[in-house]
Amino acid sequence: MENEHVNEFEDEKDEEMTVTLELDDGTSVTCAIVTILTVQEQDYIALLPLDDKAENNEGEVWFYRYFEDENDEDSDPELSYIEDDAEYELVADAFDEFLDSEEFDELMPE
C-alpha cells in the first residue's frame, strides 16, 4: 500500500490550512485541507488540490486514510490511498453529509 508523503502543514491566520504532498511521480501538490472525517473508527482527510494560483477550479476532492501518532507530537501525519471502492464510497457519502451540514450551518443565523 502506497503512502503519500506529507512534506509540510501550513496554518496561517486568515488563510486556509494547507498540506504539500509529494506524489509517486515526484511532483508536489499543495492541497487545502477541507476536513478530517471519522468513518467506522478510521480517520480520513478530504483535500482540495490547488493550482499555481492557489485555486481549485476543477472541483476535485481527494480522500486519503489519515494516521497521526498521538504519542509523538513532532511526527508528521501519514496519508494512505483508499484502494477499496466500498470504503471510498463510505468516505464520499460521509463527506457529502459533512457538506450538507456545513451548508445548513451557514444558512442558520447565530
PDB file of N, CA and C in Angstrom:
ATOM      1  N   MET A   1       0.848  -1.173   0.000  1.00  0.00           N
ATOM      2  CA  MET A   1       0.000   0.000   0.000  1.00  0.00           C
ATOM      3  C   MET A   1       0.900   1.245   0.000  1.00  0.00           C
ATOM      4  N   GLU A   2       0.660   2.117  -0.927  1.00  0.00           N
ATOM      5  CA  GLU A   2       1.469   3.327  -1.058  1.00  0.00           C
ATOM      6  C   GLU A   2       0.991   4.394  -0.083  1.00  0.00           C
ATOM      7  N   ASN A   3       1.909   5.128   0.471  1.00  0.00           N
ATOM      8  CA  ASN A   3       1.588   6.268   1.322  1.00  0.00           C
ATOM      9  C   ASN A   3       2.071   7.529   0.650  1.00  0.00           C
ATOM     10  N   GLU A   4       1.276   8.567   0.756  1.00  0.00           N
ATOM     11  CA  GLU A   4       1.715   9.875   0.288  1.00  0.00           C
ATOM     12  C   GLU A   4       2.598  10.459   1.385  1.00  0.00           C
ATOM     13  N   HIS A   5       3.609  11.166   1.000  1.00  0.00           N
ATOM     14  CA  HIS A   5       4.485  11.799   1.974  1.00  0.00           C
ATOM     15  C   HIS A   5       3.999  13.221   2.210  1.00  0.00           C
ATOM     16  N   VAL A   6       3.751  13.545   3.443  1.00  0.00           N
ATOM     17  CA  VAL A   6       3.319  14.889   3.795  1.00  0.00           C
ATOM     18  C   VAL A   6       4.574  15.712   4.050  1.00  0.00           C
ATOM     19  N   ASN A   7       4.832  16.670   3.170  1.00  0.00           N
ATOM     20  CA  ASN A   7       6.026  17.486   3.320  1.00  0.00           C
ATOM     21  C   ASN A   7       5.870  18.549   4.391  1.00  0.00           C
ATOM     22  N   GLU A   8       4.725  19.169   4.444  1.00  0.00           N
ATOM     23  CA  GLU A   8       4.564  20.231   5.427  1.00  0.00           C
ATOM     24  C   GLU A   8       3.105  20.579   5.596  1.00  0.00           C
ATOM     25  N   PHE A   9       2.771  21.008   6.785  1.00  0.00           N
ATOM     26  CA  PHE A   9       1.473  21.589   7.068  1.00  0.00           C
ATOM     27  C   PHE A   9       1.690  23.067   7.296  1.00  0.00           C
ATOM     28  N   GLU A  10       0.808  23.870   6.744  1.00  0.00           N
ATOM     29  CA  GLU A  10       0.891  25.314   6.959  1.00  0.00           C
ATOM     30  C   GLU A  10      -0.436  25.775   7.531  1.00  0.00           C
ATOM     31  N   ASP A  11      -0.375  26.618   8.519  1.00  0.00           N
ATOM     32  CA  ASP A  11      -1.585  27.152   9.127  1.00  0.00           C
ATOM     33  C   ASP A  11      -1.356  28.635   9.390  1.00  0.00           C
ATOM     34  N   GLU A  12      -1.805  29.449   8.470  1.00  0.00           N
ATOM     35  CA  GLU A  12      -1.651  30.892   8.602  1.00  0.00           C
ATOM     36  C   GLU A  12      -2.986  31.465   9.047  1.00  0.00           C
ATOM     37  N   LYS A  13      -2.950  32.484   9.897  1.00  0.00           N
ATOM     38  CA  LYS A  13      -4.179  33.156  10.275  1.00  0.00           C
ATOM     39  C   LYS A  13      -4.782  33.781   9.035  1.00  0.00           C
ATOM     40  N   ASP A  14      -6.098  33.745   8.953  1.00  0.00           N
ATOM     41  CA  ASP A  14      -6.866  34.280   7.835  1.00  0.00           C
ATOM     42  C   ASP A  14      -6.619  33.531   6.529  1.00  0.00           C
ATOM     43  N   GLU A  15      -5.942  32.403   6.567  1.00  0.00           N
ATOM     44  CA  GLU A  15      -5.754  31.569   5.385  1.00  0.00           C
ATOM     45  C   GLU A  15      -6.176  30.159   5.752  1.00  0.00           C
ATOM     46  N   GLU A  16      -6.536  29.407   4.717  1.00  0.00           N
ATOM     47  CA  GLU A  16      -6.914  28.027   4.976  1.00  0.00           C
ATOM     48  C   GLU A  16      -5.673  27.188   5.242  1.00  0.00           C
ATOM     49  N   MET A  17      -5.864  26.128   5.993  1.00  0.00           N
ATOM     50  CA  MET A  17      -4.756  25.227   6.296  1.00  0.00           C
ATOM     51  C   MET A  17      -4.457  24.402   5.052  1.00  0.00           C
ATOM     52  N   THR A  18      -3.183  24.270   4.734  1.00  0.00           N
ATOM     53  CA  THR A  18      -2.778  23.512   3.557  1.00  0.00           C
ATOM     54  C   THR A  18      -1.751  22.459   3.924  1.00  0.00           C
ATOM     55  N   VAL A  19      -1.584  21.515   3.004  1.00  0.00           N
ATOM     56  CA  VAL A  19      -0.586  20.473   3.133  1.00  0.00           C
ATOM     57  C   VAL A  19       0.044  20.311   1.756  1.00  0.00           C
ATOM     58  N   THR A  20       1.341  20.046   1.727  1.00  0.00           N
ATOM     59  CA  THR A  20       2.023  19.775   0.467  1.00  0.00           C
ATOM     60  C   THR A  20       2.316  18.293   0.395  1.00  0.00           C
ATOM     61  N   LEU A  21       1.815  17.657  -0.669  1.00  0.00           N
ATOM     62  CA  LEU A  21       2.009  16.223  -0.874  1.00  0.00           C
ATOM     63  C   LEU A  21       3.057  15.997  -1.939  1.00  0.00           C
ATOM     64  N   GLU A  22       3.918  15.025  -1.697  1.00  0.00           N
ATOM     65  CA  GLU A  22       4.837  14.573  -2.734  1.00  0.00           C
ATOM     66  C   GLU A  22       4.221  13.320  -3.336  1.00  0.00           C
ATOM     67  N   LEU A  23       3.879  13.388  -4.622  1.00  0.00           N
ATOM     68  CA  LEU A  23       3.216  12.284  -5.298  1.00  0.00           C
ATOM     69  C   LEU A  23       4.230  11.243  -5.754  1.00  0.00           C
ATOM     70  N   ASP A  24       3.728  10.081  -6.129  1.00  0.00           N
ATOM     71  CA  ASP A  24       4.591   8.975  -6.552  1.00  0.00           C
ATOM     72  C   ASP A  24       5.478   9.339  -7.736  1.00  0.00           C
ATOM     73  N   ASP A  25       5.006  10.250  -8.599  1.00  0.00           N
ATOM     74  CA  ASP A  25       5.796  10.621  -9.771  1.00  0.00           C
ATOM     75  C   ASP A  25       6.842  11.696  -9.472  1.00  0.00           C
ATOM     76  N   GLY A  26       6.972  12.068  -8.201  1.00  0.00           N
ATOM     77  CA  GLY A  26       7.980  13.048  -7.803  1.00  0.00           C
ATOM     78  C   GLY A  26       7.503  14.487  -7.797  1.00  0.00           C
ATOM     79  N   THR A  27       6.305  14.743  -8.287  1.00  0.00           N
ATOM     80  CA  THR A  27       5.782  16.104  -8.264  1.00  0.00           C
ATOM     81  C   THR A  27       5.188  16.417  -6.900  1.00  0.00           C
ATOM     82  N   SER A  28       5.075  17.687  -6.600  1.00  0.00           N
ATOM     83  CA  SER A  28       4.463  18.136  -5.355  1.00  0.00           C
ATOM     84  C   SER A  28       3.184  18.888  -5.668  1.00  0.00           C
ATOM     85  N   VAL A  29       2.180  18.690  -4.826  1.00  0.00           N
ATOM     86  CA  VAL A  29       0.903  19.368  -4.975  1.00  0.00           C
ATOM     87  C   VAL A  29       0.516  19.947  -3.621  1.00  0.00           C
ATOM     88  N   THR A  30       0.164  21.226  -3.617  1.00  0.00           N
ATOM     89  CA  THR A  30      -0.359  21.848  -2.403  1.00  0.00           C
ATOM     90  C   THR A  30      -1.863  21.666  -2.406  1.00  0.00           C
ATOM     91  N   CYS A  31      -2.390  21.251  -1.251  1.00  0.00           N
ATOM     92  CA  CYS A  31      -3.820  20.992  -1.119  1.00  0.00           C
ATOM     93  C   CYS A  31      -4.366  21.740   0.092  1.00  0.00           C
ATOM     94  N   ALA A  32      -5.567  22.269  -0.051  1.00  0.00           N
ATOM     95  CA  ALA A  32      -6.274  22.842   1.083  1.00  0.00           C
ATOM     96  C   ALA A  32      -6.940  21.704   1.841  1.00  0.00           C
ATOM     97  N   ILE A  33      -6.832  21.745   3.151  1.00  0.00           N
ATOM     98  CA  ILE A  33      -7.481  20.730   3.988  1.00  0.00           C
ATOM     99  C   ILE A  33      -8.913  21.167   4.225  1.00  0.00           C
ATOM    100  N   VAL A  34      -9.855  20.335   3.778  1.00  0.00           N
ATOM    101  CA  VAL A  34     -11.269  20.648   3.959  1.00  0.00           C
ATOM    102  C   VAL A  34     -11.716  20.200   5.340  1.00  0.00           C
ATOM    103  N   THR A  35     -11.447  18.944   5.652  1.00  0.00           N
ATOM    104  CA  THR A  35     -11.859  18.392   6.945  1.00  0.00           C
ATOM    105  C   THR A  35     -11.205  17.034   7.154  1.00  0.00           C
ATOM    106  N   ILE A  36     -11.262  16.591   8.380  1.00  0.00           N
ATOM    107  CA  ILE A  36     -10.891  15.218   8.721  1.00  0.00           C
ATOM    108  C   ILE A  36     -12.165  14.548   9.223  1.00  0.00           C
ATOM    109  N   LEU A  37     -12.521  13.434   8.601  1.00  0.00           N
ATOM    110  CA  LEU A  37     -13.739  12.703   8.927  1.00  0.00           C
ATOM    111  C   LEU A  37     -13.384  11.382   9.599  1.00  0.00           C
ATOM    112  N   THR A  38     -14.230  10.927  10.482  1.00  0.00           N
ATOM    113  CA  THR A  38     -14.072   9.591  11.051  1.00  0.00           C
ATOM    114  C   THR A  38     -15.213   8.739  10.541  1.00  0.00           C
ATOM    115  N   VAL A  39     -14.864   7.641   9.874  1.00  0.00           N
ATOM    116  CA  VAL A  39     -15.844   6.706   9.332  1.00  0.00           C
ATOM    117  C   VAL A  39     -15.445   5.318   9.811  1.00  0.00           C
ATOM    118  N   GLN A  40     -16.352   4.684  10.522  1.00  0.00           N
ATOM    119  CA  GLN A  40     -16.120   3.345  11.073  1.00  0.00           C
ATOM    120  C   GLN A  40     -14.770   3.269  11.796  1.00  0.00           C
ATOM    121  N   GLU A  41     -14.541   4.216  12.693  1.00  0.00           N
ATOM    122  CA  GLU A  41     -13.373   4.276  13.576  1.00  0.00           C
ATOM    123  C   GLU A  41     -12.049   4.502  12.846  1.00  0.00           C
ATOM    124  N   GLN A  42     -12.089   4.900  11.576  1.00  0.00           N
ATOM    125  CA  GLN A  42     -10.882   5.241  10.807  1.00  0.00           C
ATOM    126  C   GLN A  42     -10.979   6.711  10.412  1.00  0.00           C
ATOM    127  N   ASP A  43      -9.878   7.447  10.553  1.00  0.00           N
ATOM    128  CA  ASP A  43      -9.857   8.846  10.138  1.00  0.00           C
ATOM    129  C   ASP A  43      -9.499   8.952   8.662  1.00  0.00           C
ATOM    130  N   TYR A  44     -10.145   9.908   8.003  1.00  0.00           N
ATOM    131  CA  TYR A  44      -9.894  10.204   6.596  1.00  0.00           C
ATOM    132  C   TYR A  44      -9.754  11.713   6.458  1.00  0.00           C
ATOM    133  N   ILE A  45      -8.975  12.147   5.481  1.00  0.00           N
ATOM    134  CA  ILE A  45      -8.794  13.569   5.243  1.00  0.00           C
ATOM    135  C   ILE A  45      -9.315  13.890   3.845  1.00  0.00           C
ATOM    136  N   ALA A  46     -10.015  15.009   3.734  1.00  0.00           N
ATOM    137  CA  ALA A  46     -10.516  15.492   2.449  1.00  0.00           C
ATOM    138  C   ALA A  46      -9.666  16.692   2.049  1.00  0.00           C
ATOM    139  N   LEU A  47      -9.074  16.612   0.858  1.00  0.00           N
ATOM    140  CA  LEU A  47      -8.153  17.642   0.375  1.00  0.00           C
ATOM    141  C   LEU A  47      -8.625  18.202  -0.962  1.00  0.00           C
ATOM    142  N   LEU A  48      -8.430  19.513  -1.138  1.00  0.00           N
ATOM    143  CA  LEU A  48      -8.671  20.166  -2.422  1.00  0.00           C
ATOM    144  C   LEU A  48      -7.320  20.466  -3.055  1.00  0.00           C
ATOM    145  N   PRO A  49      -6.968  19.793  -4.155  1.00  0.00           N
ATOM    146  CA  PRO A  49      -5.697  20.120  -4.816  1.00  0.00           C
ATOM    147  C   PRO A  49      -5.767  21.521  -5.409  1.00  0.00           C
ATOM    148  N   LEU A  50      -4.708  22.296  -5.193  1.00  0.00           N
ATOM    149  CA  LEU A  50      -4.680  23.691  -5.643  1.00  0.00           C
ATOM    150  C   LEU A  50      -3.712  23.856  -6.805  1.00  0.00           C
ATOM    151  N   ASP A  51      -4.051  24.762  -7.713  1.00  0.00           N
ATOM    152  CA  ASP A  51      -3.148  25.046  -8.826  1.00  0.00           C
ATOM    153  C   ASP A  51      -2.119  26.097  -8.406  1.00  0.00           C
ATOM    154  N   ASP A  52      -1.354  26.591  -9.361  1.00  0.00           N
ATOM    155  CA  ASP A  52      -0.296  27.564  -9.066  1.00  0.00           C
ATOM    156  C   ASP A  52      -0.831  28.871  -8.500  1.00  0.00           C
ATOM    157  N   LYS A  53      -2.108  29.149  -8.723  1.00  0.00           N
ATOM    158  CA  LYS A  53      -2.734  30.376  -8.208  1.00  0.00           C
ATOM    159  C   LYS A  53      -3.467  30.123  -6.891  1.00  0.00           C
ATOM    160  N   ALA A  54      -3.221  28.958  -6.293  1.00  0.00           N
ATOM    161  CA  ALA A  54      -3.859  28.550  -5.035  1.00  0.00           C
ATOM    162  C   ALA A  54      -5.373  28.475  -5.179  1.00  0.00           C
ATOM    163  N   GLU A  55      -5.821  27.987  -6.340  1.00  0.00           N
ATOM    164  CA  GLU A  55      -7.247  27.828  -6.597  1.00  0.00           C
ATOM    165  C   GLU A  55      -7.544  26.385  -6.983  1.00  0.00           C
ATOM    166  N   ASN A  56      -8.814  26.018  -6.812  1.00  0.00           N
ATOM    167  CA  ASN A  56      -9.283  24.698  -7.229  1.00  0.00           C
ATOM    168  C   ASN A  56     -10.475  24.929  -8.143  1.00  0.00           C
ATOM    169  N   ASN A  57     -10.212  25.066  -9.417  1.00  0.00           N
ATOM    170  CA  ASN A  57     -11.279  25.335 -10.382  1.00  0.00           C
ATOM    171  C   ASN A  57     -11.947  24.074 -10.894  1.00  0.00           C
ATOM    172  N   GLU A  58     -11.345  22.933 -10.669  1.00  0.00           N
ATOM    173  CA  GLU A  58     -11.877  21.663 -11.162  1.00  0.00           C
ATOM    174  C   GLU A  58     -12.951  21.096 -10.238  1.00  0.00           C
ATOM    175  N   GLY A  59     -12.982  21.528  -8.977  1.00  0.00           N
ATOM    176  CA  GLY A  59     -13.932  20.976  -8.020  1.00  0.00           C
ATOM    177  C   GLY A  59     -13.565  19.585  -7.543  1.00  0.00           C
ATOM    178  N   GLU A  60     -12.332  19.180  -7.812  1.00  0.00           N
ATOM    179  CA  GLU A  60     -11.859  17.848  -7.445  1.00  0.00           C
ATOM    180  C   GLU A  60     -11.530  17.805  -5.955  1.00  0.00           C
ATOM    181  N   VAL A  61     -11.911  16.707  -5.311  1.00  0.00           N
ATOM    182  CA  VAL A  61     -11.603  16.476  -3.897  1.00  0.00           C
ATOM    183  C   VAL A  61     -10.892  15.133  -3.808  1.00  0.00           C
ATOM    184  N   TRP A  62      -9.799  15.090  -3.057  1.00  0.00           N
ATOM    185  CA  TRP A  62      -9.058  13.850  -2.843  1.00  0.00           C
ATOM    186  C   TRP A  62      -9.299  13.359  -1.428  1.00  0.00           C
ATOM    187  N   PHE A  63      -9.542  12.057  -1.280  1.00  0.00           N
ATOM    188  CA  PHE A  63      -9.720  11.429   0.026  1.00  0.00           C
ATOM    189  C   PHE A  63      -8.564  10.471   0.281  1.00  0.00           C
ATOM    190  N   TYR A  64      -8.047  10.502   1.505  1.00  0.00           N
ATOM    191  CA  TYR A  64      -6.992   9.587   1.934  1.00  0.00           C
ATOM    192  C   TYR A  64      -7.308   9.103   3.341  1.00  0.00           C
ATOM    193  N   ARG A  65      -6.819   7.903   3.665  1.00  0.00           N
ATOM    194  CA  ARG A  65      -6.795   7.493   5.075  1.00  0.00           C
ATOM    195  C   ARG A  65      -5.796   8.402   5.774  1.00  0.00           C
ATOM    196  N   TYR A  66      -6.098   8.753   7.012  1.00  0.00           N
ATOM    197  CA  TYR A  66      -5.285   9.712   7.757  1.00  0.00           C
ATOM    198  C   TYR A  66      -4.845   9.069   9.058  1.00  0.00           C
ATOM    199  N   PHE A  67      -3.538   9.077   9.292  1.00  0.00           N
ATOM    200  CA  PHE A  67      -2.982   8.499  10.520  1.00  0.00           C
ATOM    201  C   PHE A  67      -2.108   9.533  11.205  1.00  0.00           C
ATOM    202  N   GLU A  68      -2.298   9.676  12.500  1.00  0.00           N
ATOM    203  CA  GLU A  68      -1.495  10.616  13.276  1.00  0.00           C
ATOM    204  C   GLU A  68      -1.030   9.905  14.532  1.00  0.00           C
ATOM    205  N   ASP A  69       0.268  10.007  14.815  1.00  0.00           N
ATOM    206  CA  ASP A  69       0.829   9.399  16.016  1.00  0.00           C
ATOM    207  C   ASP A  69       0.602  10.347  17.182  1.00  0.00           C
ATOM    208  N   GLU A  70      -0.391  10.033  17.997  1.00  0.00           N
ATOM    209  CA  GLU A  70      -0.749  10.907  19.117  1.00  0.00           C
ATOM    210  C   GLU A  70       0.329  10.928  20.197  1.00  0.00           C
ATOM    211  N   ASN A  71       1.214   9.930  20.204  1.00  0.00           N
ATOM    212  CA  ASN A  71       2.272   9.866  21.202  1.00  0.00           C
ATOM    213  C   ASN A  71       3.501  10.671  20.810  1.00  0.00           C
ATOM    214  N   ASP A  72       3.602  11.050  19.539  1.00  0.00           N
ATOM    215  CA  ASP A  72       4.762  11.782  19.053  1.00  0.00           C
ATOM    216  C   ASP A  72       4.297  13.069  18.384  1.00  0.00           C
ATOM    217  N   GLU A  73       4.325  14.157  19.152  1.00  0.00           N
ATOM    218  CA  GLU A  73       3.833  15.440  18.652  1.00  0.00           C
ATOM    219  C   GLU A  73       4.679  15.977  17.503  1.00  0.00           C
ATOM    220  N   ASP A  74       5.925  15.532  17.368  1.00  0.00           N
ATOM    221  CA  ASP A  74       6.808  16.032  16.329  1.00  0.00           C
ATOM    222  C   ASP A  74       6.689  15.274  15.010  1.00  0.00           C
ATOM    223  N   SER A  75       5.977  14.163  15.001  1.00  0.00           N
ATOM    224  CA  SER A  75       5.878  13.388  13.768  1.00  0.00           C
ATOM    225  C   SER A  75       4.795  13.961  12.857  1.00  0.00           C
ATOM    226  N   ASP A  76       5.044  13.852  11.550  1.00  0.00           N
ATOM    227  CA  ASP A  76       4.071  14.303  10.567  1.00  0.00           C
ATOM    228  C   ASP A  76       2.992  13.245  10.407  1.00  0.00           C
ATOM    229  N   PRO A  77       1.764  13.677  10.134  1.00  0.00           N
ATOM    230  CA  PRO A  77       0.712  12.705   9.837  1.00  0.00           C
ATOM    231  C   PRO A  77       1.045  11.932   8.566  1.00  0.00           C
ATOM    232  N   GLU A  78       0.480  10.737   8.446  1.00  0.00           N
ATOM    233  CA  GLU A  78       0.676   9.931   7.251  1.00  0.00           C
ATOM    234  C   GLU A  78      -0.662   9.764   6.548  1.00  0.00           C
ATOM    235  N   LEU A  79      -0.608   9.733   5.229  1.00  0.00           N
ATOM    236  CA  LEU A  79      -1.785   9.515   4.407  1.00  0.00           C
ATOM    237  C   LEU A  79      -1.566   8.250   3.595  1.00  0.00           C
ATOM    238  N   SER A  80      -2.641   7.486   3.383  1.00  0.00           N
ATOM    239  CA  SER A  80      -2.532   6.325   2.513  1.00  0.00           C
ATOM    240  C   SER A  80      -3.749   6.266   1.601  1.00  0.00           C
ATOM    241  N   TYR A  81      -3.546   5.655   0.446  1.00  0.00           N
ATOM    242  CA  TYR A  81      -4.603   5.529  -0.549  1.00  0.00           C
ATOM    243  C   TYR A  81      -5.765   4.698  -0.031  1.00  0.00           C
ATOM    244  N   ILE A  82      -6.952   5.014  -0.519  1.00  0.00           N
ATOM    245  CA  ILE A  82      -8.130   4.179  -0.292  1.00  0.00           C
ATOM    246  C   ILE A  82      -8.286   3.339  -1.557  1.00  0.00           C
ATOM    247  N   GLU A  83      -7.980   2.072  -1.467  1.00  0.00           N
ATOM    248  CA  GLU A  83      -7.994   1.209  -2.646  1.00  0.00           C
ATOM    249  C   GLU A  83      -9.310   0.453  -2.820  1.00  0.00           C
ATOM    250  N   ASP A  84     -10.085   0.324  -1.762  1.00  0.00           N
ATOM    251  CA  ASP A  84     -11.337  -0.413  -1.805  1.00  0.00           C
ATOM    252  C   ASP A  84     -12.479   0.523  -2.207  1.00  0.00           C
ATOM    253  N   ASP A  85     -13.207   0.156  -3.272  1.00  0.00           N
ATOM    254  CA  ASP A  85     -14.295   1.004  -3.772  1.00  0.00           C
ATOM    255  C   ASP A  85     -15.393   1.220  -2.740  1.00  0.00           C
ATOM    256  N   ALA A  86     -15.729   0.176  -1.993  1.00  0.00           N
ATOM    257  CA  ALA A  86     -16.788   0.291  -0.985  1.00  0.00           C
ATOM    258  C   ALA A  86     -16.365   1.252   0.124  1.00  0.00           C
ATOM    259  N   GLU A  87     -15.112   1.154   0.547  1.00  0.00           N
ATOM    260  CA  GLU A  87     -14.595   2.067   1.573  1.00  0.00           C
ATOM    261  C   GLU A  87     -14.615   3.507   1.054  1.00  0.00           C
ATOM    262  N   TYR A  88     -14.185   3.696  -0.211  1.00  0.00           N
ATOM    263  CA  TYR A  88     -14.181   5.025  -0.812  1.00  0.00           C
ATOM    264  C   TYR A  88     -15.596   5.610  -0.832  1.00  0.00           C
ATOM    265  N   GLU A  89     -16.574   4.792  -1.188  1.00  0.00           N
ATOM    266  CA  GLU A  89     -17.965   5.265  -1.237  1.00  0.00           C
ATOM    267  C   GLU A  89     -18.460   5.685   0.146  1.00  0.00           C
ATOM    268  N   LEU A  90     -18.076   4.939   1.190  1.00  0.00           N
ATOM    269  CA  LEU A  90     -18.455   5.323   2.555  1.00  0.00           C
ATOM    270  C   LEU A  90     -17.890   6.694   2.912  1.00  0.00           C
ATOM    271  N   VAL A  91     -16.635   6.922   2.531  1.00  0.00           N
ATOM    272  CA  VAL A  91     -15.985   8.205   2.823  1.00  0.00           C
ATOM    273  C   VAL A  91     -16.637   9.321   2.013  1.00  0.00           C
ATOM    274  N   ALA A  92     -16.906   9.064   0.740  1.00  0.00           N
ATOM    275  CA  ALA A  92     -17.548  10.066  -0.109  1.00  0.00           C
ATOM    276  C   ALA A  92     -18.932  10.429   0.437  1.00  0.00           C
ATOM    277  N   ASP A  93     -19.691   9.430   0.906  1.00  0.00           N
ATOM    278  CA  ASP A  93     -21.005   9.699   1.492  1.00  0.00           C
ATOM    279  C   ASP A  93     -20.882  10.524   2.769  1.00  0.00           C
ATOM    280  N   ALA A  94     -19.899  10.191   3.606  1.00  0.00           N
ATOM    281  CA  ALA A  94     -19.682  10.956   4.840  1.00  0.00           C
ATOM    282  C   ALA A  94     -19.289  12.395   4.502  1.00  0.00           C
ATOM    283  N   PHE A  95     -18.502  12.574   3.445  1.00  0.00           N
ATOM    284  CA  PHE A  95     -18.111  13.921   3.029  1.00  0.00           C
ATOM    285  C   PHE A  95     -19.326  14.697   2.527  1.00  0.00           C
ATOM    286  N   ASP A  96     -20.200  14.050   1.771  1.00  0.00           N
ATOM    287  CA  ASP A  96     -21.429  14.709   1.316  1.00  0.00           C
ATOM    288  C   ASP A  96     -22.277  15.152   2.497  1.00  0.00           C
ATOM    289  N   GLU A  97     -22.389  14.299   3.518  1.00  0.00           N
ATOM    290  CA  GLU A  97     -23.131  14.670   4.725  1.00  0.00           C
ATOM    291  C   GLU A  97     -22.467  15.853   5.420  1.00  0.00           C
ATOM    292  N   PHE A  98     -21.138  15.862   5.468  1.00  0.00           N
ATOM    293  CA  PHE A  98     -20.405  16.984   6.048  1.00  0.00           C
ATOM    294  C   PHE A  98     -20.737  18.272   5.294  1.00  0.00           C
ATOM    295  N   LEU A  99     -20.702  18.213   3.955  1.00  0.00           N
ATOM    296  CA  LEU A  99     -21.011  19.398   3.150  1.00  0.00           C
ATOM    297  C   LEU A  99     -22.438  19.869   3.386  1.00  0.00           C
ATOM    298  N   ASP A 100     -23.377  18.931   3.474  1.00  0.00           N
ATOM    299  CA  ASP A 100     -24.773  19.295   3.733  1.00  0.00           C
ATOM    300  C   ASP A 100     -24.912  19.992   5.077  1.00  0.00           C
ATOM    301  N   SER A 101     -24.225  19.494   6.105  1.00  0.00           N
ATOM    302  CA  SER A 101     -24.331  20.113   7.433  1.00  0.00           C
ATOM    303  C   SER A 101     -23.656  21.472   7.446  1.00  0.00           C
ATOM    304  N   GLU A 102     -22.558  21.632   6.703  1.00  0.00           N
ATOM    305  CA  GLU A 102     -21.886  22.928   6.634  1.00  0.00           C
ATOM    306  C   GLU A 102     -22.770  23.958   5.945  1.00  0.00           C
ATOM    307  N   GLU A 103     -23.422  23.568   4.848  1.00  0.00           N
ATOM    308  CA  GLU A 103     -24.316  24.490   4.146  1.00  0.00           C
ATOM    309  C   GLU A 103     -25.485  24.867   5.039  1.00  0.00           C
ATOM    310  N   PHE A 104     -26.017  23.904   5.805  1.00  0.00           N
ATOM    311  CA  PHE A 104     -27.097  24.181   6.719  1.00  0.00           C
ATOM    312  C   PHE A 104     -26.647  25.168   7.791  1.00  0.00           C
ATOM    313  N   ASP A 105     -25.462  24.942   8.336  1.00  0.00           N
ATOM    314  CA  ASP A 105     -24.939  25.830   9.377  1.00  0.00           C
ATOM    315  C   ASP A 105     -24.750  27.250   8.854  1.00  0.00           C
ATOM    316  N   GLU A 106     -24.352  27.394   7.591  1.00  0.00           N
ATOM    317  CA  GLU A 106     -24.162  28.725   7.019  1.00  0.00           C
ATOM    318  C   GLU A 106     -25.479  29.452   6.836  1.00  0.00           C
ATOM    319  N   LEU A 107     -26.575  28.693   6.642  1.00  0.00           N
ATOM    320  CA  LEU A 107     -27.877  29.304   6.445  1.00  0.00           C
ATOM    321  C   LEU A 107     -28.531  29.737   7.747  1.00  0.00           C
ATOM    322  N   MET A 108     -28.144  29.096   8.842  1.00  0.00           N
ATOM    323  CA  MET A 108     -28.776  29.387  10.134  1.00  0.00           C
ATOM    324  C   MET A 108     -28.173  30.637  10.770  1.00  0.00           C
ATOM    325  N   PRO A 109     -29.012  31.596  11.164  1.00  0.00           N
ATOM    326  CA  PRO A 109     -28.481  32.786  11.839  1.00  0.00           C
ATOM    327  C   PRO A 109     -27.962  32.412  13.222  1.00  0.00           C
ATOM    328  N   GLU A 110     -26.980  33.158  13.682  1.00  0.00           N
ATOM    329  CA  GLU A 110     -26.406  32.858  15.007  1.00  0.00           C
ATOM    330  C   GLU A 110     -27.264  33.409  16.104  1.00  0.00           C
TER     331      GLU A 110
END
